[in-house]
N, C-alpha and C. Protein backbone atom coordinates (compact mmCIF):
# COMPACT_ATOMS: atom_id res chain seq x y z
N UNK A 1 -12.83 -5.14 3.05
CA UNK A 1 -12.93 -5.70 4.23
C UNK A 1 -12.25 -7.31 4.06
N UNK A 2 -11.48 -7.60 5.05
CA UNK A 2 -10.94 -9.00 4.84
C UNK A 2 -11.88 -10.00 5.49
N UNK A 3 -12.07 -11.01 4.59
CA UNK A 3 -12.96 -12.18 4.84
C UNK A 3 -12.39 -13.29 5.31
N UNK A 4 -11.05 -13.66 5.01
CA UNK A 4 -10.22 -14.85 5.35
C UNK A 4 -8.88 -14.59 5.35
N UNK A 5 -8.17 -15.16 6.46
CA UNK A 5 -6.80 -15.06 6.65
C UNK A 5 -6.16 -16.46 6.74
N UNK A 6 -5.18 -16.87 5.81
CA UNK A 6 -4.88 -18.17 5.86
C UNK A 6 -3.26 -18.19 6.14
N UNK A 7 -2.66 -18.73 7.26
CA UNK A 7 -1.31 -18.75 7.60
C UNK A 7 -0.66 -20.10 6.89
N UNK A 8 0.14 -19.70 5.94
CA UNK A 8 0.84 -20.75 5.17
C UNK A 8 2.13 -21.21 5.87
N UNK A 9 2.79 -20.28 6.61
CA UNK A 9 4.03 -20.58 7.16
C UNK A 9 4.22 -19.99 8.48
N UNK A 10 4.73 -20.61 9.57
CA UNK A 10 4.81 -20.16 10.91
C UNK A 10 6.20 -20.89 11.48
N UNK A 11 7.18 -19.81 11.79
CA UNK A 11 8.48 -20.39 12.25
C UNK A 11 9.22 -19.31 13.03
N UNK A 12 10.11 -19.85 13.90
CA UNK A 12 10.91 -18.89 14.77
C UNK A 12 11.68 -17.93 13.65
N UNK A 13 11.72 -16.60 14.20
CA UNK A 13 12.61 -15.72 13.43
C UNK A 13 14.06 -15.74 14.13
N UNK A 14 15.06 -15.60 13.21
CA UNK A 14 16.47 -15.45 13.64
C UNK A 14 16.96 -16.56 14.46
N UNK A 15 16.31 -17.75 14.37
CA UNK A 15 16.68 -18.88 15.03
C UNK A 15 16.49 -18.84 16.44
N UNK A 16 15.33 -17.95 16.76
CA UNK A 16 14.87 -17.96 18.08
C UNK A 16 15.69 -16.90 19.04
N UNK A 17 16.51 -16.18 18.27
CA UNK A 17 17.36 -15.13 19.05
C UNK A 17 16.52 -14.39 19.94
N UNK A 18 16.95 -14.04 21.22
CA UNK A 18 16.33 -13.18 22.28
C UNK A 18 16.78 -11.90 22.11
N UNK A 19 15.78 -11.09 21.86
CA UNK A 19 15.93 -9.47 21.85
C UNK A 19 15.70 -9.07 23.31
N UNK A 20 16.61 -7.88 23.56
CA UNK A 20 16.38 -7.34 24.96
C UNK A 20 14.98 -7.01 25.25
N UNK A 21 14.47 -7.40 26.50
CA UNK A 21 13.09 -6.86 26.92
C UNK A 21 11.95 -7.79 26.16
N UNK A 22 12.02 -7.67 24.69
CA UNK A 22 10.95 -8.36 23.99
C UNK A 22 11.09 -10.02 23.98
N UNK A 23 12.26 -10.48 23.86
CA UNK A 23 12.54 -11.78 23.74
C UNK A 23 12.61 -12.19 22.21
N UNK A 24 12.12 -13.51 22.14
CA UNK A 24 12.29 -13.99 20.77
C UNK A 24 11.00 -13.57 19.80
N UNK A 25 11.30 -13.50 18.46
CA UNK A 25 10.29 -13.25 17.40
C UNK A 25 9.91 -14.46 16.76
N UNK A 26 8.90 -14.40 16.09
CA UNK A 26 8.37 -15.46 15.04
C UNK A 26 7.81 -14.87 13.76
N UNK A 27 7.99 -15.54 12.66
CA UNK A 27 7.58 -15.20 11.43
C UNK A 27 6.40 -15.89 11.10
N UNK A 28 5.32 -15.02 10.39
CA UNK A 28 4.16 -15.61 9.91
C UNK A 28 4.06 -15.05 8.38
N UNK A 29 3.68 -16.11 7.35
CA UNK A 29 3.41 -15.84 6.17
C UNK A 29 2.25 -16.23 5.59
N UNK A 30 1.51 -15.75 4.66
CA UNK A 30 0.30 -16.35 4.23
C UNK A 30 -0.33 -15.59 3.19
N UNK A 31 -1.78 -15.85 3.16
CA UNK A 31 -2.59 -14.98 2.21
C UNK A 31 -3.85 -14.46 2.87
N UNK A 32 -4.26 -13.37 2.43
CA UNK A 32 -5.37 -12.83 3.00
C UNK A 32 -6.51 -12.65 1.83
N UNK A 33 -7.74 -12.78 2.23
CA UNK A 33 -8.71 -12.80 1.10
C UNK A 33 -9.62 -11.63 1.59
N UNK A 34 -10.15 -10.78 0.67
CA UNK A 34 -11.27 -9.64 0.96
C UNK A 34 -12.13 -9.37 -0.14
N UNK A 35 -12.99 -8.36 0.27
CA UNK A 35 -13.73 -7.89 -0.89
C UNK A 35 -14.13 -6.46 -0.67
N UNK A 36 -14.44 -5.67 -1.74
CA UNK A 36 -14.60 -4.19 -1.81
C UNK A 36 -15.91 -3.87 -2.32
N UNK A 37 -16.67 -3.15 -1.56
CA UNK A 37 -17.94 -2.67 -1.95
C UNK A 37 -18.11 -1.61 -2.94
N UNK A 38 -18.34 -1.72 -4.30
CA UNK A 38 -18.15 -0.67 -5.46
C UNK A 38 -19.15 0.63 -5.01
N UNK A 39 -20.12 0.35 -4.21
CA UNK A 39 -21.03 1.61 -3.98
C UNK A 39 -20.81 2.29 -2.74
N UNK A 40 -19.53 1.75 -1.97
CA UNK A 40 -19.14 2.87 -1.06
C UNK A 40 -18.34 3.94 -1.63
N UNK A 41 -18.66 5.09 -1.06
CA UNK A 41 -18.17 6.39 -1.72
C UNK A 41 -16.57 6.36 -1.50
N UNK A 42 -16.14 5.68 -0.29
CA UNK A 42 -14.60 5.86 -0.06
C UNK A 42 -13.87 4.86 -1.20
N UNK A 43 -14.56 4.04 -1.82
CA UNK A 43 -13.90 3.26 -2.81
C UNK A 43 -13.80 3.62 -4.05
N UNK A 44 -14.36 4.81 -4.37
CA UNK A 44 -14.57 5.48 -5.77
C UNK A 44 -13.28 5.77 -6.32
N UNK A 45 -12.13 6.06 -5.53
CA UNK A 45 -10.94 6.35 -5.90
C UNK A 45 -10.27 5.23 -6.71
N UNK A 46 -10.77 3.89 -6.49
CA UNK A 46 -10.19 2.75 -7.03
C UNK A 46 -10.52 2.67 -8.64
N UNK A 47 -9.57 2.71 -9.47
CA UNK A 47 -9.68 2.81 -10.83
C UNK A 47 -10.41 1.63 -11.41
N UNK A 48 -11.45 1.80 -12.28
CA UNK A 48 -12.15 0.72 -13.01
C UNK A 48 -12.82 -0.20 -12.06
N UNK A 49 -13.03 0.24 -10.75
CA UNK A 49 -13.62 -0.68 -9.71
C UNK A 49 -15.18 -1.07 -10.31
N UNK A 50 -15.74 -0.17 -10.66
CA UNK A 50 -17.11 -0.26 -11.37
C UNK A 50 -17.20 -1.40 -12.45
N UNK A 51 -16.11 -1.59 -13.12
CA UNK A 51 -15.99 -2.48 -14.27
C UNK A 51 -15.44 -3.82 -13.82
N UNK A 52 -15.30 -4.14 -12.63
CA UNK A 52 -14.73 -5.41 -12.18
C UNK A 52 -15.88 -6.42 -11.87
N UNK A 53 -15.75 -7.79 -12.13
CA UNK A 53 -16.77 -8.74 -11.83
C UNK A 53 -17.15 -8.73 -10.22
N UNK A 54 -18.30 -8.95 -10.02
CA UNK A 54 -18.75 -9.05 -8.48
C UNK A 54 -19.13 -10.54 -8.11
N UNK A 55 -19.22 -10.58 -6.93
CA UNK A 55 -19.61 -12.01 -6.22
C UNK A 55 -21.15 -11.79 -5.98
N UNK A 56 -21.82 -12.76 -5.20
CA UNK A 56 -23.27 -12.80 -5.00
C UNK A 56 -23.59 -11.64 -4.07
N UNK A 57 -22.56 -11.15 -3.38
CA UNK A 57 -23.12 -9.87 -2.42
C UNK A 57 -22.83 -8.65 -3.15
N UNK A 58 -22.41 -8.69 -4.45
CA UNK A 58 -22.18 -7.52 -5.30
C UNK A 58 -20.83 -6.84 -4.74
N UNK A 59 -19.95 -7.57 -4.23
CA UNK A 59 -18.67 -7.02 -3.97
C UNK A 59 -17.65 -7.49 -4.88
N UNK A 60 -16.52 -6.79 -5.01
CA UNK A 60 -15.34 -7.21 -5.88
C UNK A 60 -14.36 -7.91 -4.86
N UNK A 61 -13.93 -9.16 -5.24
CA UNK A 61 -13.00 -9.93 -4.38
C UNK A 61 -11.56 -9.78 -4.87
N UNK A 62 -10.54 -9.89 -3.94
CA UNK A 62 -9.14 -9.76 -4.14
C UNK A 62 -8.54 -10.56 -3.12
N UNK A 63 -7.09 -10.86 -3.25
CA UNK A 63 -6.42 -11.61 -2.33
C UNK A 63 -5.03 -10.93 -2.41
N UNK A 64 -4.21 -11.07 -1.29
CA UNK A 64 -3.03 -10.49 -1.16
C UNK A 64 -2.15 -11.50 -0.25
N UNK A 65 -0.83 -11.33 -0.69
CA UNK A 65 0.18 -12.05 0.24
C UNK A 65 0.56 -11.14 1.66
N UNK A 66 0.76 -11.89 2.60
CA UNK A 66 1.10 -10.89 3.80
C UNK A 66 2.27 -11.64 4.51
N UNK A 67 3.04 -10.85 5.39
CA UNK A 67 4.32 -11.29 6.03
C UNK A 67 4.31 -10.58 7.38
N UNK A 68 4.51 -11.26 8.50
CA UNK A 68 4.44 -10.51 9.82
C UNK A 68 5.64 -10.99 10.68
N UNK A 69 6.35 -10.02 11.35
CA UNK A 69 7.22 -10.41 12.40
C UNK A 69 6.60 -9.98 13.67
N UNK A 70 6.49 -10.92 14.56
CA UNK A 70 5.90 -10.56 15.71
C UNK A 70 6.59 -11.14 17.09
N UNK A 71 6.42 -10.51 18.23
CA UNK A 71 7.04 -11.30 19.52
C UNK A 71 6.37 -12.70 19.66
N UNK A 72 7.24 -13.67 19.93
CA UNK A 72 6.63 -14.93 20.06
C UNK A 72 5.77 -14.75 21.45
N UNK A 73 6.01 -13.97 22.37
CA UNK A 73 5.18 -13.88 23.45
C UNK A 73 4.60 -12.39 23.39
N UNK A 74 3.35 -12.16 22.87
CA UNK A 74 2.94 -10.88 22.66
C UNK A 74 2.71 -9.99 23.88
N UNK A 75 2.73 -10.51 25.00
CA UNK A 75 2.67 -9.95 26.30
C UNK A 75 3.85 -9.19 26.56
N UNK A 76 4.98 -9.54 25.81
CA UNK A 76 6.45 -8.79 25.99
C UNK A 76 6.58 -7.83 24.94
N UNK A 77 5.56 -7.77 24.02
CA UNK A 77 5.61 -6.65 23.12
C UNK A 77 4.85 -5.31 23.51
N UNK A 78 5.04 -4.27 22.56
CA UNK A 78 4.32 -3.10 23.06
C UNK A 78 2.83 -2.78 22.70
N UNK A 79 2.31 -3.99 22.07
CA UNK A 79 1.00 -3.97 21.56
C UNK A 79 0.66 -3.04 20.43
N UNK A 80 1.72 -2.65 19.66
CA UNK A 80 1.62 -1.81 18.49
C UNK A 80 1.96 -2.50 17.24
N UNK A 81 1.35 -2.19 16.08
CA UNK A 81 1.62 -2.62 14.77
C UNK A 81 2.32 -1.68 14.12
N UNK A 82 3.45 -2.03 13.39
CA UNK A 82 4.11 -1.02 12.53
C UNK A 82 4.01 -1.63 11.22
N UNK A 83 3.15 -1.03 10.38
CA UNK A 83 2.74 -1.42 9.08
C UNK A 83 3.71 -0.61 7.90
N UNK A 84 4.31 -1.68 7.19
CA UNK A 84 5.18 -0.96 6.07
C UNK A 84 4.55 -1.38 4.77
N UNK A 85 4.27 -0.32 4.01
CA UNK A 85 3.59 -0.55 2.60
C UNK A 85 4.80 -0.93 1.74
N UNK A 86 4.88 -2.06 1.17
CA UNK A 86 6.02 -2.45 0.37
C UNK A 86 6.19 -1.58 -0.94
N UNK A 87 7.57 -1.45 -1.30
CA UNK A 87 7.80 -0.72 -2.48
C UNK A 87 7.92 -1.71 -3.62
N UNK A 88 7.08 -1.79 -4.71
CA UNK A 88 7.22 -2.68 -5.66
C UNK A 88 7.29 -4.17 -5.11
N UNK A 89 6.55 -4.34 -3.93
CA UNK A 89 6.51 -5.67 -3.44
C UNK A 89 7.70 -5.97 -2.41
N UNK A 90 8.58 -5.04 -2.24
CA UNK A 90 9.73 -5.09 -1.38
C UNK A 90 9.60 -4.67 0.11
N UNK A 91 10.07 -5.37 0.97
CA UNK A 91 10.26 -5.02 2.39
C UNK A 91 11.41 -4.06 2.63
N UNK A 92 11.10 -2.89 3.10
CA UNK A 92 12.24 -2.09 3.28
C UNK A 92 12.38 -1.32 4.69
N UNK A 93 11.41 -1.54 5.54
CA UNK A 93 11.54 -0.76 6.77
C UNK A 93 12.63 -1.23 7.65
N UNK A 94 13.01 -2.45 7.48
CA UNK A 94 14.16 -3.14 8.37
C UNK A 94 15.42 -2.28 8.00
N UNK A 95 15.45 -2.12 6.68
CA UNK A 95 16.80 -1.46 6.16
C UNK A 95 16.82 0.05 6.58
N UNK A 96 15.63 0.77 6.74
CA UNK A 96 15.50 2.15 6.99
C UNK A 96 15.70 2.32 8.61
N UNK A 97 14.98 1.46 9.36
CA UNK A 97 15.06 1.79 10.97
C UNK A 97 16.08 0.81 11.58
N UNK A 98 16.21 -0.18 11.02
CA UNK A 98 17.01 -1.25 11.79
C UNK A 98 18.55 -1.33 11.09
N UNK A 99 18.80 -0.56 10.05
CA UNK A 99 20.16 -0.61 9.40
C UNK A 99 20.35 -2.01 8.99
N UNK A 100 19.36 -2.69 8.45
CA UNK A 100 19.47 -4.19 8.12
C UNK A 100 19.78 -4.32 6.51
N UNK A 101 20.50 -5.20 6.36
CA UNK A 101 20.84 -5.54 4.95
C UNK A 101 19.38 -5.80 4.13
N UNK A 102 19.36 -5.60 2.96
CA UNK A 102 18.20 -5.73 1.93
C UNK A 102 17.90 -7.29 2.08
N UNK A 103 16.63 -7.43 2.22
CA UNK A 103 16.21 -8.94 2.29
C UNK A 103 14.64 -9.06 2.27
N UNK A 104 14.23 -9.75 1.22
CA UNK A 104 12.78 -9.85 1.05
C UNK A 104 12.12 -11.05 1.82
N UNK A 105 12.97 -11.99 2.43
CA UNK A 105 12.57 -12.95 3.11
C UNK A 105 13.28 -12.93 4.60
N UNK A 106 13.26 -11.86 5.39
CA UNK A 106 14.01 -11.69 6.55
C UNK A 106 13.86 -12.93 7.40
N UNK A 107 15.11 -13.72 7.90
CA UNK A 107 14.95 -14.95 8.44
C UNK A 107 16.17 -14.94 9.51
N UNK A 108 17.09 -14.46 9.34
CA UNK A 108 18.32 -14.57 10.23
C UNK A 108 18.43 -13.39 11.06
N UNK A 109 19.37 -13.47 12.07
CA UNK A 109 19.57 -12.37 12.99
C UNK A 109 20.24 -11.11 12.28
N UNK A 110 20.94 -11.37 11.31
CA UNK A 110 21.50 -10.38 10.43
C UNK A 110 20.46 -9.59 9.76
N UNK A 111 19.49 -10.28 9.44
CA UNK A 111 18.13 -9.43 8.82
C UNK A 111 17.43 -8.42 9.83
N UNK A 112 17.91 -8.67 10.93
CA UNK A 112 17.22 -7.89 12.10
C UNK A 112 17.98 -6.58 12.20
N UNK A 113 19.18 -6.45 11.75
CA UNK A 113 20.14 -5.36 11.71
C UNK A 113 20.52 -5.00 13.30
N UNK A 114 20.15 -3.73 13.67
CA UNK A 114 20.38 -3.43 15.03
C UNK A 114 19.43 -3.72 15.92
N UNK A 115 18.22 -4.19 15.41
CA UNK A 115 17.22 -4.94 16.29
C UNK A 115 16.35 -3.78 16.81
N UNK A 116 16.38 -2.63 16.27
CA UNK A 116 15.56 -1.46 16.86
C UNK A 116 14.07 -1.77 16.95
N UNK A 117 13.36 -2.24 16.01
CA UNK A 117 11.88 -2.36 15.96
C UNK A 117 11.73 -3.64 16.90
N UNK A 118 12.52 -4.64 16.95
CA UNK A 118 12.26 -5.78 17.93
C UNK A 118 12.49 -5.35 19.29
N UNK A 119 13.46 -4.72 19.68
CA UNK A 119 13.74 -4.24 20.92
C UNK A 119 12.83 -3.51 21.55
N UNK A 120 11.90 -2.72 20.68
CA UNK A 120 10.91 -1.71 21.10
C UNK A 120 9.61 -2.49 21.18
N UNK A 121 9.65 -3.77 20.68
CA UNK A 121 8.30 -4.54 20.74
C UNK A 121 7.27 -4.44 19.86
N UNK A 122 7.68 -3.95 18.63
CA UNK A 122 6.67 -3.73 17.59
C UNK A 122 6.39 -5.15 16.80
N UNK A 123 5.06 -5.28 16.42
CA UNK A 123 4.68 -6.26 15.51
C UNK A 123 4.83 -5.74 14.09
N UNK A 124 5.49 -6.23 13.27
CA UNK A 124 5.96 -5.63 11.97
C UNK A 124 5.04 -6.39 10.79
N UNK A 125 4.30 -5.56 10.21
CA UNK A 125 3.30 -6.25 9.21
C UNK A 125 3.51 -5.77 7.71
N UNK A 126 3.49 -6.51 6.69
CA UNK A 126 3.57 -6.20 5.29
C UNK A 126 2.52 -6.91 4.52
N UNK A 127 1.88 -6.30 3.52
CA UNK A 127 0.93 -6.97 2.61
C UNK A 127 1.09 -6.40 1.33
N UNK A 128 0.73 -7.11 0.38
CA UNK A 128 0.86 -6.60 -1.05
C UNK A 128 -0.29 -5.57 -1.26
N UNK A 129 -0.15 -4.53 -2.08
CA UNK A 129 -1.19 -3.55 -2.46
C UNK A 129 -1.15 -3.31 -3.75
N UNK A 130 -0.03 -3.64 -4.77
CA UNK A 130 -0.05 -3.36 -6.00
C UNK A 130 -0.38 -4.61 -6.85
N UNK A 131 -1.53 -4.42 -7.78
CA UNK A 131 -2.04 -5.52 -8.67
C UNK A 131 -1.30 -5.73 -9.83
N UNK A 132 -0.22 -5.03 -10.06
CA UNK A 132 0.37 -5.24 -11.26
C UNK A 132 1.81 -5.72 -11.25
N UNK A 133 2.13 -6.55 -10.16
CA UNK A 133 3.51 -6.94 -9.78
C UNK A 133 3.41 -8.49 -10.26
N UNK A 134 4.79 -9.00 -10.52
CA UNK A 134 5.03 -10.39 -10.86
C UNK A 134 5.28 -11.05 -9.46
N UNK A 135 4.61 -12.23 -9.54
CA UNK A 135 4.75 -12.93 -8.04
C UNK A 135 5.99 -13.86 -7.95
N UNK A 136 7.11 -13.07 -7.91
CA UNK A 136 8.40 -13.63 -7.93
C UNK A 136 9.20 -13.21 -6.66
N UNK A 137 10.30 -13.93 -6.33
CA UNK A 137 11.28 -13.42 -5.46
C UNK A 137 10.68 -12.85 -3.98
N UNK A 138 9.69 -13.59 -3.71
CA UNK A 138 9.10 -13.17 -2.18
C UNK A 138 8.52 -11.94 -2.28
N UNK A 139 8.17 -11.32 -3.40
CA UNK A 139 7.66 -9.86 -3.73
C UNK A 139 6.20 -10.12 -3.10
N UNK A 140 5.71 -9.23 -2.41
CA UNK A 140 4.28 -9.15 -2.03
C UNK A 140 3.41 -8.58 -3.14
N UNK A 141 2.44 -9.29 -3.31
CA UNK A 141 1.57 -8.88 -4.60
C UNK A 141 0.05 -8.85 -4.15
N UNK A 142 -0.69 -8.02 -4.94
CA UNK A 142 -2.11 -8.11 -4.56
C UNK A 142 -2.72 -8.62 -5.88
N UNK A 143 -3.60 -9.54 -5.79
CA UNK A 143 -4.36 -10.19 -6.84
C UNK A 143 -5.75 -9.57 -7.00
N UNK A 144 -5.96 -9.13 -8.23
CA UNK A 144 -7.20 -8.19 -8.47
C UNK A 144 -7.82 -8.98 -9.74
N UNK A 145 -9.19 -8.72 -9.87
CA UNK A 145 -9.98 -9.47 -11.10
C UNK A 145 -9.68 -8.39 -12.27
N UNK A 146 -9.81 -8.94 -13.50
CA UNK A 146 -9.51 -8.02 -14.63
C UNK A 146 -10.84 -7.31 -14.85
N UNK A 147 -10.65 -6.02 -15.19
CA UNK A 147 -11.83 -5.14 -15.45
C UNK A 147 -12.12 -5.36 -16.96
N UNK A 148 -13.34 -5.17 -17.27
CA UNK A 148 -13.90 -5.33 -18.59
C UNK A 148 -14.81 -4.25 -18.88
N UNK A 149 -15.00 -4.15 -20.18
CA UNK A 149 -16.14 -3.20 -20.68
C UNK A 149 -17.26 -3.97 -21.12
N UNK A 150 -18.00 -4.13 -20.27
CA UNK A 150 -19.31 -5.15 -20.52
C UNK A 150 -19.06 -6.49 -21.00
N UNK A 151 -17.82 -7.11 -20.44
CA UNK A 151 -17.38 -8.36 -20.77
C UNK A 151 -16.40 -8.32 -21.82
N UNK A 152 -16.07 -7.28 -22.54
CA UNK A 152 -14.96 -6.99 -23.68
C UNK A 152 -13.88 -6.37 -23.11
N UNK A 153 -12.61 -6.74 -23.59
CA UNK A 153 -11.49 -6.08 -23.24
C UNK A 153 -11.49 -4.73 -23.30
N UNK A 154 -10.85 -4.06 -22.23
CA UNK A 154 -10.67 -2.58 -22.41
C UNK A 154 -9.29 -2.34 -23.07
N UNK A 155 -9.39 -1.53 -24.37
CA UNK A 155 -8.13 -1.14 -25.10
C UNK A 155 -7.91 0.26 -24.91
N UNK A 156 -6.85 0.62 -24.44
CA UNK A 156 -6.43 2.02 -24.22
C UNK A 156 -5.06 2.25 -24.54
N UNK A 157 -4.58 3.45 -24.82
CA UNK A 157 -3.17 3.85 -24.82
C UNK A 157 -2.49 3.55 -23.53
N UNK A 158 -1.23 2.99 -23.48
CA UNK A 158 -0.57 2.82 -22.29
C UNK A 158 0.85 3.69 -22.31
N UNK A 159 1.15 4.47 -21.49
CA UNK A 159 2.44 5.25 -21.58
C UNK A 159 3.27 4.87 -20.40
N UNK A 160 4.66 4.39 -20.91
CA UNK A 160 5.67 4.04 -20.21
C UNK A 160 6.97 4.81 -20.38
N UNK A 161 7.62 5.16 -19.21
CA UNK A 161 8.97 5.80 -19.18
C UNK A 161 9.97 4.93 -18.81
N UNK A 162 10.92 4.58 -19.73
CA UNK A 162 11.98 3.61 -19.35
C UNK A 162 13.23 4.54 -19.33
N UNK A 163 13.94 4.22 -18.13
CA UNK A 163 15.10 4.95 -17.83
C UNK A 163 16.31 3.94 -18.00
N UNK A 164 17.25 4.37 -19.00
CA UNK A 164 18.41 3.48 -19.35
C UNK A 164 19.66 4.31 -18.76
N UNK A 165 20.22 3.48 -17.72
CA UNK A 165 21.55 3.94 -16.94
C UNK A 165 22.77 3.14 -17.36
N UNK A 166 22.71 2.26 -18.29
CA UNK A 166 23.77 1.34 -18.51
C UNK A 166 24.11 1.49 -20.10
N UNK A 167 25.45 1.22 -20.41
CA UNK A 167 25.70 1.34 -21.96
C UNK A 167 25.53 0.03 -22.43
N UNK A 168 25.33 -0.03 -23.87
CA UNK A 168 25.00 -1.11 -24.48
C UNK A 168 23.52 -1.34 -24.69
N UNK A 169 23.17 -2.47 -25.55
CA UNK A 169 21.97 -2.78 -25.83
C UNK A 169 21.29 -3.52 -24.75
N UNK A 170 20.01 -3.31 -24.24
CA UNK A 170 19.38 -3.92 -23.16
C UNK A 170 17.97 -3.96 -23.35
N UNK A 171 17.45 -5.18 -23.42
CA UNK A 171 15.99 -5.42 -23.49
C UNK A 171 15.15 -5.08 -22.23
N UNK A 172 14.12 -4.32 -22.59
CA UNK A 172 13.21 -3.91 -21.36
C UNK A 172 11.82 -4.40 -21.49
N UNK A 173 11.17 -4.81 -20.47
CA UNK A 173 9.71 -5.08 -20.71
C UNK A 173 8.94 -3.83 -20.82
N UNK A 174 7.80 -3.97 -21.55
CA UNK A 174 6.91 -2.72 -21.85
C UNK A 174 6.56 -1.80 -20.59
N UNK A 175 6.55 -2.69 -19.43
CA UNK A 175 6.18 -1.80 -18.33
C UNK A 175 7.48 -1.14 -17.88
N UNK A 176 8.66 -1.28 -18.39
CA UNK A 176 9.74 -0.45 -17.97
C UNK A 176 10.48 -1.05 -16.67
N UNK A 177 9.88 -2.06 -15.91
CA UNK A 177 10.39 -2.51 -14.79
C UNK A 177 10.11 -4.10 -14.67
N UNK A 178 11.19 -4.85 -14.39
CA UNK A 178 11.22 -6.26 -14.49
C UNK A 178 10.06 -6.76 -13.25
N UNK A 179 9.81 -5.91 -12.35
CA UNK A 179 9.03 -6.45 -11.26
C UNK A 179 7.27 -6.37 -11.54
N UNK A 180 7.16 -5.38 -12.65
CA UNK A 180 5.87 -4.97 -12.98
C UNK A 180 5.30 -5.70 -14.24
N UNK A 181 4.25 -6.16 -14.18
CA UNK A 181 3.56 -6.82 -15.39
C UNK A 181 3.48 -6.04 -16.46
N UNK A 182 3.56 -6.35 -17.68
CA UNK A 182 3.40 -5.59 -19.01
C UNK A 182 1.85 -5.77 -19.48
N UNK A 183 1.29 -4.72 -19.97
CA UNK A 183 0.02 -5.06 -20.69
C UNK A 183 0.25 -5.71 -22.02
N UNK A 184 -0.59 -6.80 -22.51
CA UNK A 184 -0.27 -7.35 -23.78
C UNK A 184 -0.68 -6.34 -24.85
N UNK A 185 0.27 -6.26 -25.62
CA UNK A 185 -0.12 -5.24 -26.84
C UNK A 185 -1.35 -5.61 -27.80
N UNK A 186 -2.05 -4.74 -27.71
CA UNK A 186 -3.40 -5.09 -28.63
C UNK A 186 -3.11 -5.04 -30.13
N UNK A 187 -1.91 -4.55 -30.58
CA UNK A 187 -1.65 -4.64 -32.05
C UNK A 187 -0.30 -4.55 -32.00
N UNK A 188 0.46 -5.22 -33.19
CA UNK A 188 1.77 -5.21 -33.47
C UNK A 188 2.02 -3.98 -34.52
N UNK A 189 1.04 -3.45 -34.86
CA UNK A 189 1.20 -2.51 -35.99
C UNK A 189 2.00 -1.25 -35.39
N UNK A 190 3.30 -1.13 -35.85
CA UNK A 190 4.04 0.02 -35.07
C UNK A 190 3.48 1.37 -35.29
N UNK A 191 2.59 1.75 -36.42
CA UNK A 191 2.04 3.06 -36.68
C UNK A 191 1.05 3.23 -35.54
N UNK A 192 0.61 2.33 -34.72
CA UNK A 192 -0.20 2.71 -33.65
C UNK A 192 0.54 2.94 -32.48
N UNK A 193 1.83 2.94 -32.57
CA UNK A 193 2.64 3.30 -31.27
C UNK A 193 3.80 4.39 -31.40
N UNK A 194 4.20 5.07 -30.55
CA UNK A 194 5.22 6.16 -30.68
C UNK A 194 6.34 5.82 -29.66
N UNK A 195 7.51 6.10 -30.13
CA UNK A 195 8.82 5.97 -29.29
C UNK A 195 9.62 7.20 -29.37
N UNK A 196 9.70 7.92 -28.19
CA UNK A 196 10.72 9.15 -28.13
C UNK A 196 11.88 8.91 -27.11
N UNK A 197 12.82 9.84 -27.32
CA UNK A 197 14.01 9.61 -26.34
C UNK A 197 14.44 11.00 -26.03
N UNK A 198 14.92 11.01 -24.80
CA UNK A 198 15.43 12.39 -24.33
C UNK A 198 16.58 12.01 -23.24
N UNK A 199 17.66 13.08 -23.28
CA UNK A 199 18.68 12.68 -22.53
C UNK A 199 18.55 12.96 -20.93
N UNK A 200 17.71 14.02 -20.76
CA UNK A 200 17.47 14.33 -19.32
C UNK A 200 15.77 14.32 -19.10
N UNK A 201 15.54 14.22 -17.92
CA UNK A 201 14.11 14.22 -17.70
C UNK A 201 13.34 15.42 -18.21
N UNK A 202 13.98 16.48 -18.16
CA UNK A 202 13.29 17.87 -18.67
C UNK A 202 13.61 18.34 -20.07
N UNK A 203 14.41 17.31 -20.61
CA UNK A 203 14.67 17.57 -22.05
C UNK A 203 13.51 17.48 -23.20
N UNK A 204 13.93 17.85 -24.41
CA UNK A 204 12.98 17.59 -25.47
C UNK A 204 12.79 16.31 -25.89
N UNK A 205 11.61 15.67 -26.09
CA UNK A 205 11.34 14.30 -26.62
C UNK A 205 11.56 14.33 -28.14
N UNK A 206 12.53 13.44 -28.44
CA UNK A 206 12.85 13.34 -30.01
C UNK A 206 12.31 11.94 -30.44
N UNK A 207 11.35 12.07 -31.41
CA UNK A 207 10.79 11.00 -31.90
C UNK A 207 11.78 9.91 -32.51
N UNK A 208 11.42 8.52 -32.47
CA UNK A 208 12.35 7.55 -32.97
C UNK A 208 11.48 6.94 -34.01
N UNK A 209 12.15 6.87 -35.31
CA UNK A 209 11.38 6.25 -36.38
C UNK A 209 10.93 4.70 -36.04
N UNK A 210 9.81 4.37 -36.62
CA UNK A 210 9.26 2.96 -36.22
C UNK A 210 10.17 2.02 -37.02
N UNK A 211 10.96 2.50 -38.01
CA UNK A 211 11.93 1.56 -38.77
C UNK A 211 13.13 1.29 -37.87
């Protein structure tokens, strides 16, 4: 349930460019705040929700960035929202449906591509839903509390697959993706970790010595 919506930025999109029928669009960016009821059976799918801190209402609080492109005059729109769930915090639907160039802060008429969604009057909405992303480069992120085991840190094995597609030595985060936060290592004892390598996704995993 969303409890608060804060608009931090509001400005004309594409310099006020007039799209056929719908007219000009505007851009809204900000932050939403919400809470989840751990007792609701529909929320049981959320991992470790029962171990998250709760507020006075017994709910688990969260917040997320949001980004909206909407007709400046809603009466000229089609009254429908097109919600695009970001991929690793990235906005992709304008590239898929509008043939637009990649942009995580669409601002210019070029970022509207062929204008398909705008010409049809859609309000386009994005918001963060992944709690493990870095808050960089206009990526949309979800802020969630840290789950604990009775107030103590939860320590478990973490498995990561890193795909190397370039020659040479390359440093990679433990998460395997620069956009994704890495869990802090609970120990630097190499005997507590394993590393394997394989040439193809279906190939045999070959252990790499800790040395």
